[in-house]
Amino acid sequence: MVTLSNRITLLAESETLAMARKSRELKAEGKDVINLSLGEPDFNTPDYIKEAAKAAIDQNYSFYPPVAGYGDLRETICFKLQRDNQLVYKSDQIVVSTGAKQSIANAVLSLVNPGDEVILPAPYWVSYKEIIKVAEGKMVAIPTSIRQEFKLTPGQLTSAITPKTRLMIFSSPCNPTGSVYSREELYGLAQVLSHYPDIYVIADEIYEHINFIGKHQSIAQFDFIKERVILINGVSKGFAMTGWRLGYLAAPKEIAQACDKLQGQFTSAACSIAQRAALAALATSPDTPELKHMLQAFRERRDLLLEMLAKIPGFQLNHPDGAFYLFPDISAYFGKSDGTNMINNSNDLCMYLLNNATVALVPGDAFGDPNCVRFSYATSKDKLIAAVDRISERLAQLK
């Protein structure tokens, strides 16, 4: 028997990927599973981006790129940050990675020592917690509620800070809740952090372009804290490029250099062809017809799903302003049974619905809120309607 390291033994499998795997297993058995567990747009990558990738192959972009990414791509990222966010960065502050997840891992591993505390507003994305484990840091989760739109308040942040606090990680628009922080809300958090010069912030903005209320707001816009902010972004969600695996970070130069150093020992540069495709994506205005079409489709799906779920007894819903998730409180079903299956928690409910309604969701425990489940509406309206019909029918059998 192989003795594995403590590091890997303590690491949990991603709940979203685990649910996707279970869905595939049921599909392989011939079951008609509707998968609402993965955060993956069902749109194809826009043609102009694919054409850029094809051209890159013909132009022989087949050699090792610089670890931090091609110079012209990093310059284009700086241009994008200035154009869309009014943020000024230099190319040596940009590191391109194999997905935003690697960018987050690079930053955490470059900043966190064993025993350092990392604040996570809960609900949080599943991988934040596990990446902190790898760095041997200590997660400090701050629960937020559906009544506060799942947003962290300055008072909550102040109460969580200790002499061991090194880092805060949050996302806006948020996975799993879809919540979007306003400028005023971010300013309040930045004001708190301004009093603690040793605390850094990882701002995960991968859902920037899936925002239903207007201009995206970044915590890096406040000059008094910008030098302690690590921005995370990429092309997976907004440009329907999940499989291209291309993310990036923008950070103070010293942190960017540390991430470059770390990445050089793990993976080296991101795929050369994906980098050329990303350059075409980021050089183009987010007001392109392709991106506007996707945003409108997500908005319509959100509204449809909210309308349908509101009709199911026991569901508590907020009104998310971004990303493509709903995160309802379903604790009203705890303690209920259909005579065979007892629902004690959100994991029980998700497994009940997967096995009996053939609909895959992700339990809220994975995101730090055991009273909720995550719906991804990154799929067609027809599938959403069918999924909710199945869920409603099965939940009605719980007494």
Protein backbone atom coordinates (compact mmCIF):
# COMPACT_ATOMS: atom_id res chain seq x y z
CA MET A 1 0.00 0.00 0.00
CA VAL A 2 1.31 3.43 -0.97
CA THR A 3 1.86 5.90 1.87
CA LEU A 4 0.81 9.27 0.55
CA SER A 5 1.96 12.61 1.89
CA ASN A 6 -0.05 14.35 4.58
CA ARG A 7 -0.44 17.19 2.12
CA ILE A 8 -2.43 15.12 -0.36
CA THR A 9 -4.26 13.14 2.31
CA LEU A 10 -5.64 16.31 3.85
CA LEU A 11 -6.62 17.76 0.48
CA ALA A 12 -10.28 17.33 -0.45
CA GLU A 13 -11.54 16.62 -3.95
CA SER A 14 -13.26 19.59 -5.54
CA GLU A 15 -16.97 19.16 -4.78
CA THR A 16 -17.96 20.67 -8.11
CA LEU A 17 -15.70 18.28 -10.01
CA ALA A 18 -16.84 15.39 -7.81
CA MET A 19 -20.49 16.06 -8.63
CA ALA A 20 -19.63 16.36 -12.32
CA ARG A 21 -17.86 12.99 -12.12
CA LYS A 22 -20.88 11.36 -10.47
CA SER A 23 -23.07 12.85 -13.19
CA ARG A 24 -20.87 11.35 -15.89
CA GLU A 25 -21.02 7.96 -14.18
CA LEU A 26 -24.82 8.03 -14.17
CA LYS A 27 -24.87 9.16 -17.79
CA ALA A 28 -22.61 6.23 -18.67
CA GLU A 29 -25.27 3.99 -17.13
CA GLY A 30 -27.81 5.47 -19.52
CA LYS A 31 -29.40 7.96 -17.10
CA ASP A 32 -30.63 11.29 -18.47
CA VAL A 33 -28.78 13.56 -16.06
CA ILE A 34 -29.16 17.33 -16.21
CA ASN A 35 -25.90 18.72 -14.86
CA LEU A 36 -26.27 22.05 -13.09
CA SER A 37 -23.09 21.56 -11.08
CA LEU A 38 -20.33 22.94 -13.30
CA GLY A 39 -19.59 26.61 -13.84
CA GLU A 40 -19.02 26.27 -17.55
CA PRO A 41 -20.74 28.40 -20.21
CA ASP A 42 -22.51 26.28 -22.80
CA PHE A 43 -21.54 28.68 -25.59
CA ASN A 44 -18.79 28.07 -28.11
CA THR A 45 -15.71 30.26 -28.09
CA PRO A 46 -16.30 33.24 -30.45
CA ASP A 47 -15.00 32.69 -33.96
CA TYR A 48 -12.56 35.62 -33.95
CA ILE A 49 -10.77 34.03 -31.00
CA LYS A 50 -10.62 30.62 -32.67
CA GLU A 51 -9.24 32.22 -35.82
CA ALA A 52 -6.44 33.80 -33.79
CA ALA A 53 -5.53 30.37 -32.40
CA LYS A 54 -5.49 28.83 -35.88
CA ALA A 55 -3.27 31.64 -37.12
CA ALA A 56 -0.91 31.07 -34.20
CA ILE A 57 -0.47 27.44 -35.20
CA ASP A 58 0.30 28.47 -38.78
CA GLN A 59 2.74 31.08 -37.48
CA ASN A 60 4.59 28.40 -35.52
CA TYR A 61 3.87 29.52 -31.98
CA SER A 62 5.08 26.11 -30.88
CA PHE A 63 8.06 26.95 -28.70
CA TYR A 64 8.33 27.69 -24.98
CA PRO A 65 6.93 31.14 -24.19
CA PRO A 66 8.35 33.24 -21.34
CA VAL A 67 7.15 31.85 -18.00
CA ALA A 68 5.05 34.94 -17.25
CA GLY A 69 3.53 34.99 -20.72
CA TYR A 70 4.29 36.60 -24.08
CA GLY A 71 5.22 40.25 -23.76
CA ASP A 72 2.53 41.44 -26.15
CA LEU A 73 -0.15 39.48 -24.26
CA ARG A 74 0.92 41.05 -20.97
CA GLU A 75 0.86 44.48 -22.63
CA THR A 76 -2.64 43.71 -23.89
CA ILE A 77 -3.73 42.75 -20.38
CA CYS A 78 -2.43 46.12 -19.17
CA PHE A 79 -4.39 47.78 -21.98
CA LYS A 80 -7.54 45.85 -20.98
CA LEU A 81 -7.16 46.85 -17.31
CA GLN A 82 -6.80 50.52 -18.32
CA ARG A 83 -9.66 50.38 -20.85
CA ASP A 84 -12.19 48.46 -18.76
CA ASN A 85 -11.17 49.20 -15.17
CA GLN A 86 -9.16 52.43 -15.30
CA LEU A 87 -6.32 50.61 -13.57
CA VAL A 88 -2.70 51.25 -14.51
CA TYR A 89 -0.28 48.33 -14.49
CA LYS A 90 3.02 47.61 -16.23
CA SER A 91 3.68 44.36 -18.05
CA ASP A 92 6.17 43.23 -15.39
CA GLN A 93 3.26 43.20 -12.92
CA ILE A 94 1.35 40.62 -14.99
CA VAL A 95 1.76 36.84 -14.83
CA VAL A 96 -0.19 34.63 -17.24
CA SER A 97 -1.00 31.13 -15.98
CA THR A 98 -2.81 27.93 -16.83
CA GLY A 99 -6.17 29.21 -15.67
CA ALA A 100 -7.19 31.65 -12.94
CA LYS A 101 -7.01 28.77 -10.45
CA GLN A 102 -3.25 28.54 -10.94
CA SER A 103 -2.97 32.32 -10.61
CA ILE A 104 -4.69 32.09 -7.21
CA ALA A 105 -2.47 29.21 -6.13
CA ASN A 106 0.65 31.10 -7.22
CA ALA A 107 -0.34 34.12 -5.15
CA VAL A 108 -1.31 32.15 -2.03
CA LEU A 109 1.85 30.06 -2.11
CA SER A 110 3.95 33.18 -2.61
CA LEU A 111 2.45 35.01 0.38
CA VAL A 112 1.27 32.51 3.01
CA ASN A 113 3.56 30.81 5.53
CA PRO A 114 2.52 27.90 7.78
CA GLY A 115 0.14 29.18 10.44
CA ASP A 116 -0.74 32.42 8.65
CA GLU A 117 -4.46 33.20 8.67
CA VAL A 118 -6.42 33.76 5.50
CA ILE A 119 -9.84 35.38 5.70
CA LEU A 120 -12.56 33.98 3.45
CA PRO A 121 -16.04 35.51 3.37
CA ALA A 122 -18.38 32.50 3.29
CA PRO A 123 -19.81 31.30 0.99
CA TYR A 124 -16.51 31.01 -0.89
CA TRP A 125 -15.30 29.16 -3.98
CA VAL A 126 -14.38 25.58 -3.13
CA SER A 127 -10.72 25.71 -4.14
CA TYR A 128 -9.74 28.69 -1.98
CA LYS A 129 -9.94 26.53 1.12
CA GLU A 130 -7.88 23.71 -0.34
CA ILE A 131 -5.20 25.99 -1.77
CA ILE A 132 -4.80 27.51 1.69
CA LYS A 133 -4.32 23.97 3.06
CA VAL A 134 -1.53 23.32 0.56
CA ALA A 135 0.18 26.51 1.75
CA GLU A 136 -0.26 25.30 5.37
CA GLY A 137 -2.21 28.41 6.21
CA LYS A 138 -5.28 28.60 8.41
CA MET A 139 -8.62 29.46 6.86
CA VAL A 140 -10.73 31.95 8.82
CA ALA A 141 -14.24 31.79 7.36
CA ILE A 142 -16.62 34.68 8.01
CA PRO A 143 -20.24 33.56 7.55
CA THR A 144 -22.51 35.88 5.61
CA SER A 145 -26.23 35.41 5.15
CA ILE A 146 -28.78 35.54 2.38
CA ARG A 147 -30.30 38.54 4.20
CA GLN A 148 -27.11 40.53 3.56
CA GLU A 149 -26.87 39.28 -0.04
CA PHE A 150 -23.94 37.11 1.07
CA LYS A 151 -21.64 40.13 1.28
CA LEU A 152 -18.98 40.76 3.90
CA THR A 153 -19.39 43.93 5.98
CA PRO A 154 -16.56 46.14 7.27
CA GLY A 155 -17.56 45.28 10.85
CA GLN A 156 -17.31 41.55 10.18
CA LEU A 157 -13.91 41.99 8.54
CA THR A 158 -12.59 44.06 11.44
CA SER A 159 -13.69 41.43 13.94
CA ALA A 160 -11.91 38.63 12.04
CA ILE A 161 -8.50 40.29 11.80
CA THR A 162 -5.78 39.10 14.18
CA PRO A 163 -1.99 39.58 14.34
CA LYS A 164 -1.71 36.37 12.28
CA THR A 165 -3.89 37.60 9.39
CA ARG A 166 -1.90 37.63 6.16
CA LEU A 167 -4.45 37.57 3.38
CA MET A 168 -8.10 37.95 2.42
CA ILE A 169 -9.60 36.23 -0.64
CA PHE A 170 -12.96 37.08 -2.14
CA SER A 171 -14.71 37.10 -5.50
CA SER A 172 -17.00 39.66 -7.15
CA PRO A 173 -19.13 38.70 -8.98
CA CYS A 174 -19.13 35.83 -6.54
CA ASN A 175 -18.98 32.10 -7.03
CA PRO A 176 -21.21 30.53 -5.63
CA THR A 177 -23.72 33.29 -4.78
CA GLY A 178 -23.67 35.60 -7.79
CA SER A 179 -23.39 38.60 -5.45
CA VAL A 180 -21.68 41.72 -6.79
CA TYR A 181 -19.99 44.25 -4.52
CA SER A 182 -20.72 47.92 -5.19
CA ARG A 183 -18.05 50.59 -5.17
CA GLU A 184 -19.25 51.79 -1.78
CA GLU A 185 -19.13 48.29 -0.29
CA LEU A 186 -15.60 47.71 -1.59
CA TYR A 187 -14.52 51.10 -0.26
CA GLY A 188 -15.72 50.10 3.19
CA LEU A 189 -13.62 46.92 3.13
CA ALA A 190 -10.62 48.77 1.72
CA GLN A 191 -10.85 51.33 4.50
CA VAL A 192 -10.62 48.57 7.10
CA LEU A 193 -7.66 46.93 5.38
CA SER A 194 -5.86 50.26 5.03
CA HIS A 195 -5.13 50.11 8.77
CA TYR A 196 -3.29 46.77 8.42
CA PRO A 197 -0.31 47.23 6.08
CA ASP A 198 0.76 43.57 6.29
CA ILE A 199 -2.54 42.16 4.98
CA TYR A 200 -2.91 41.48 1.26
CA VAL A 201 -6.07 40.94 -0.79
CA ILE A 202 -6.70 38.47 -3.59
CA ALA A 203 -9.62 39.85 -5.62
CA ASP A 204 -10.98 37.12 -7.89
CA GLU A 205 -12.66 38.91 -10.80
CA ILE A 206 -13.01 36.00 -13.24
CA TYR A 207 -16.77 36.73 -13.63
CA GLU A 208 -16.19 40.41 -14.38
CA HIS A 209 -18.02 40.36 -17.72
CA ILE A 210 -21.06 38.51 -16.35
CA ASN A 211 -22.47 41.47 -14.48
CA PHE A 212 -26.13 42.45 -14.82
CA ILE A 213 -26.02 45.86 -13.12
CA GLY A 214 -23.49 47.82 -15.13
CA LYS A 215 -19.83 48.66 -14.64
CA HIS A 216 -17.65 46.19 -12.76
CA GLN A 217 -16.07 47.57 -9.61
CA SER A 218 -12.63 46.46 -8.41
CA ILE A 219 -11.12 46.95 -4.96
CA ALA A 220 -7.86 47.83 -6.74
CA GLN A 221 -9.38 51.18 -7.79
CA PHE A 222 -8.54 52.64 -4.37
CA ASP A 223 -5.00 53.96 -4.51
CA PHE A 224 -4.51 53.67 -0.76
CA ILE A 225 -4.73 49.85 -0.99
CA LYS A 226 -3.85 49.01 -4.61
CA GLU A 227 -0.27 48.02 -3.75
CA ARG A 228 -1.64 45.20 -1.59
CA VAL A 229 -4.18 43.86 -4.10
CA ILE A 230 -3.63 40.86 -6.35
CA LEU A 231 -6.20 40.89 -9.16
CA ILE A 232 -7.17 37.53 -10.61
CA ASN A 233 -8.89 37.27 -13.98
CA GLY A 234 -8.90 35.23 -17.16
CA VAL A 235 -10.87 34.29 -20.26
CA SER A 236 -12.73 31.16 -19.15
CA LYS A 237 -16.10 32.58 -18.11
CA GLY A 238 -16.64 35.83 -19.98
CA PHE A 239 -15.30 34.54 -23.30
CA ALA A 240 -16.53 30.93 -23.08
CA MET A 241 -12.95 29.61 -23.08
CA THR A 242 -12.91 27.19 -20.13
CA GLY A 243 -10.93 24.52 -21.97
CA TRP A 244 -8.25 26.91 -23.15
CA ARG A 245 -6.96 27.18 -19.54
CA LEU A 246 -5.76 30.75 -19.52
CA GLY A 247 -5.80 33.09 -16.53
CA TYR A 248 -3.69 35.93 -15.24
CA LEU A 249 -2.90 38.04 -12.23
CA ALA A 250 -1.98 41.70 -11.86
CA ALA A 251 -0.04 42.50 -8.72
CA PRO A 252 2.70 44.60 -7.18
CA LYS A 253 5.94 43.85 -9.01
CA GLU A 254 7.57 41.95 -6.14
CA ILE A 255 4.59 39.60 -5.86
CA ALA A 256 4.41 39.14 -9.64
CA GLN A 257 8.10 38.20 -9.65
CA ALA A 258 7.50 35.67 -6.87
CA CYS A 259 4.63 34.10 -8.82
CA ASP A 260 6.79 33.98 -11.96
CA LYS A 261 9.51 32.20 -9.96
CA LEU A 262 7.06 29.68 -8.49
CA GLN A 263 5.35 28.97 -11.79
CA GLY A 264 8.72 28.44 -13.44
CA GLN A 265 9.28 25.44 -11.19
CA PHE A 266 5.77 23.96 -11.52
CA THR A 267 4.41 24.38 -15.04
CA SER A 268 6.43 27.08 -16.81
CA ALA A 269 4.34 29.12 -19.23
CA ALA A 270 0.73 28.63 -20.22
CA CYS A 271 0.01 27.08 -23.62
CA SER A 272 1.39 29.21 -26.45
CA ILE A 273 -1.70 28.80 -28.66
CA ALA A 274 -4.07 29.63 -25.80
CA GLN A 275 -2.05 32.78 -25.15
CA ARG A 276 -2.50 33.97 -28.74
CA ALA A 277 -6.22 33.27 -28.53
CA ALA A 278 -6.44 35.17 -25.24
CA LEU A 279 -4.67 38.15 -26.79
CA ALA A 280 -7.41 38.36 -29.43
CA ALA A 281 -10.08 38.05 -26.73
CA LEU A 282 -8.69 40.71 -24.42
CA ALA A 283 -7.82 43.18 -27.17
CA THR A 284 -11.50 43.34 -28.11
CA SER A 285 -14.03 45.50 -26.31
CA PRO A 286 -16.40 43.63 -23.98
CA ASP A 287 -19.20 45.35 -25.91
CA THR A 288 -18.80 42.98 -28.85
CA PRO A 289 -22.02 41.32 -30.09
CA GLU A 290 -20.78 37.88 -29.03
CA LEU A 291 -20.22 38.88 -25.40
CA LYS A 292 -23.42 40.92 -25.27
CA HIS A 293 -25.36 37.90 -26.54
CA MET A 294 -23.92 35.65 -23.83
CA LEU A 295 -24.60 38.23 -21.10
CA GLN A 296 -28.21 38.65 -22.19
CA ALA A 297 -28.71 34.88 -22.30
CA PHE A 298 -27.35 34.53 -18.76
CA ARG A 299 -29.62 37.33 -17.54
CA GLU A 300 -32.68 35.64 -19.07
CA ARG A 301 -31.73 32.30 -17.56
CA ARG A 302 -31.24 33.85 -14.13
CA ASP A 303 -34.66 35.47 -14.28
CA LEU A 304 -36.30 32.26 -15.47
CA LEU A 305 -34.66 30.16 -12.75
CA LEU A 306 -35.54 32.68 -10.03
CA GLU A 307 -39.16 32.66 -11.18
CA MET A 308 -39.36 28.85 -11.19
CA LEU A 309 -37.55 28.26 -7.89
CA ALA A 310 -39.68 30.86 -6.13
CA LYS A 311 -42.64 28.54 -6.68
CA ILE A 312 -41.02 25.67 -4.78
CA PRO A 313 -42.02 25.67 -1.09
CA GLY A 314 -39.13 26.08 1.33
CA PHE A 315 -36.67 27.78 -1.00
CA GLN A 316 -35.21 31.08 0.24
CA LEU A 317 -33.80 33.12 -2.62
CA ASN A 318 -31.83 36.31 -3.08
CA HIS A 319 -31.49 38.19 -6.36
CA PRO A 320 -27.90 37.79 -7.62
CA ASP A 321 -26.47 40.47 -9.88
CA GLY A 322 -23.71 38.54 -11.62
CA ALA A 323 -21.96 35.27 -12.51
CA PHE A 324 -24.30 32.38 -13.44
CA TYR A 325 -25.26 30.85 -10.11
CA LEU A 326 -28.15 30.79 -7.68
CA PHE A 327 -27.49 29.79 -4.09
CA PRO A 328 -30.83 29.19 -2.37
CA ASP A 329 -31.24 28.27 1.27
CA ILE A 330 -32.93 24.85 1.30
CA SER A 331 -32.67 24.11 5.03
CA ALA A 332 -36.48 23.83 5.24
CA TYR A 333 -36.06 20.29 3.87
CA PHE A 334 -33.69 19.13 6.61
CA GLY A 335 -35.29 16.43 8.71
CA LYS A 336 -37.68 15.38 5.96
CA SER A 337 -37.87 11.98 4.29
CA ASP A 338 -39.59 10.20 1.42
CA GLY A 339 -39.76 7.03 3.52
CA THR A 340 -36.42 5.76 2.26
CA ASN A 341 -34.11 8.76 2.14
CA MET A 342 -33.64 11.06 5.13
CA ILE A 343 -32.43 14.59 4.36
CA ASN A 344 -30.12 15.76 7.13
CA ASN A 345 -28.05 18.32 5.22
CA SER A 346 -27.42 19.86 1.81
CA ASN A 347 -25.23 16.95 0.72
CA ASP A 348 -28.10 14.53 1.43
CA LEU A 349 -30.46 16.71 -0.59
CA CYS A 350 -28.07 16.91 -3.55
CA MET A 351 -27.55 13.14 -3.58
CA TYR A 352 -31.31 12.58 -3.27
CA LEU A 353 -31.94 14.82 -6.29
CA LEU A 354 -29.09 13.30 -8.28
CA ASN A 355 -30.26 9.72 -7.70
CA ASN A 356 -34.01 10.33 -7.87
CA ALA A 357 -34.46 13.38 -10.10
CA THR A 358 -31.23 12.93 -12.11
CA VAL A 359 -30.31 16.57 -11.58
CA ALA A 360 -26.79 17.44 -10.39
CA LEU A 361 -26.31 20.35 -7.98
CA VAL A 362 -23.47 21.15 -5.58
CA PRO A 363 -24.05 21.08 -1.80
CA GLY A 364 -23.47 24.31 0.06
CA ASP A 365 -21.11 22.62 2.54
CA ALA A 366 -18.47 22.77 -0.19
CA PHE A 367 -18.72 26.56 -0.21
CA GLY A 368 -18.88 27.07 3.54
CA ASP A 369 -22.67 27.35 3.91
CA PRO A 370 -24.35 24.02 4.76
CA ASN A 371 -27.87 25.46 4.44
CA CYS A 372 -27.65 26.10 0.71
CA VAL A 373 -27.12 24.41 -2.65
CA ARG A 374 -25.61 25.86 -5.80
CA PHE A 375 -27.44 25.94 -9.11
CA SER A 376 -25.42 26.77 -12.22
CA TYR A 377 -27.59 28.22 -14.97
CA ALA A 378 -24.84 28.06 -17.58
CA THR A 379 -27.07 25.82 -19.67
CA SER A 380 -30.12 26.10 -21.91
CA LYS A 381 -33.56 27.29 -20.80
CA ASP A 382 -35.05 23.95 -21.85
CA LYS A 383 -32.70 22.08 -19.52
CA LEU A 384 -33.38 24.52 -16.69
CA ILE A 385 -37.14 24.07 -17.06
CA ALA A 386 -36.82 20.29 -17.16
CA ALA A 387 -34.47 20.28 -14.16
CA VAL A 388 -36.76 22.38 -11.98
CA ASP A 389 -39.78 20.26 -12.95
CA ARG A 390 -37.91 17.14 -11.80
CA ILE A 391 -36.69 18.80 -8.61
CA SER A 392 -40.14 20.11 -7.72
CA GLU A 393 -41.69 16.70 -8.23
CA ARG A 394 -39.15 14.92 -6.02
CA LEU A 395 -39.11 17.54 -3.28
CA ALA A 396 -42.90 17.24 -3.00
CA GLN A 397 -42.37 13.63 -1.89
CA LEU A 398 -40.39 14.71 1.18
CA LYS A 399 -42.56 14.90 4.29
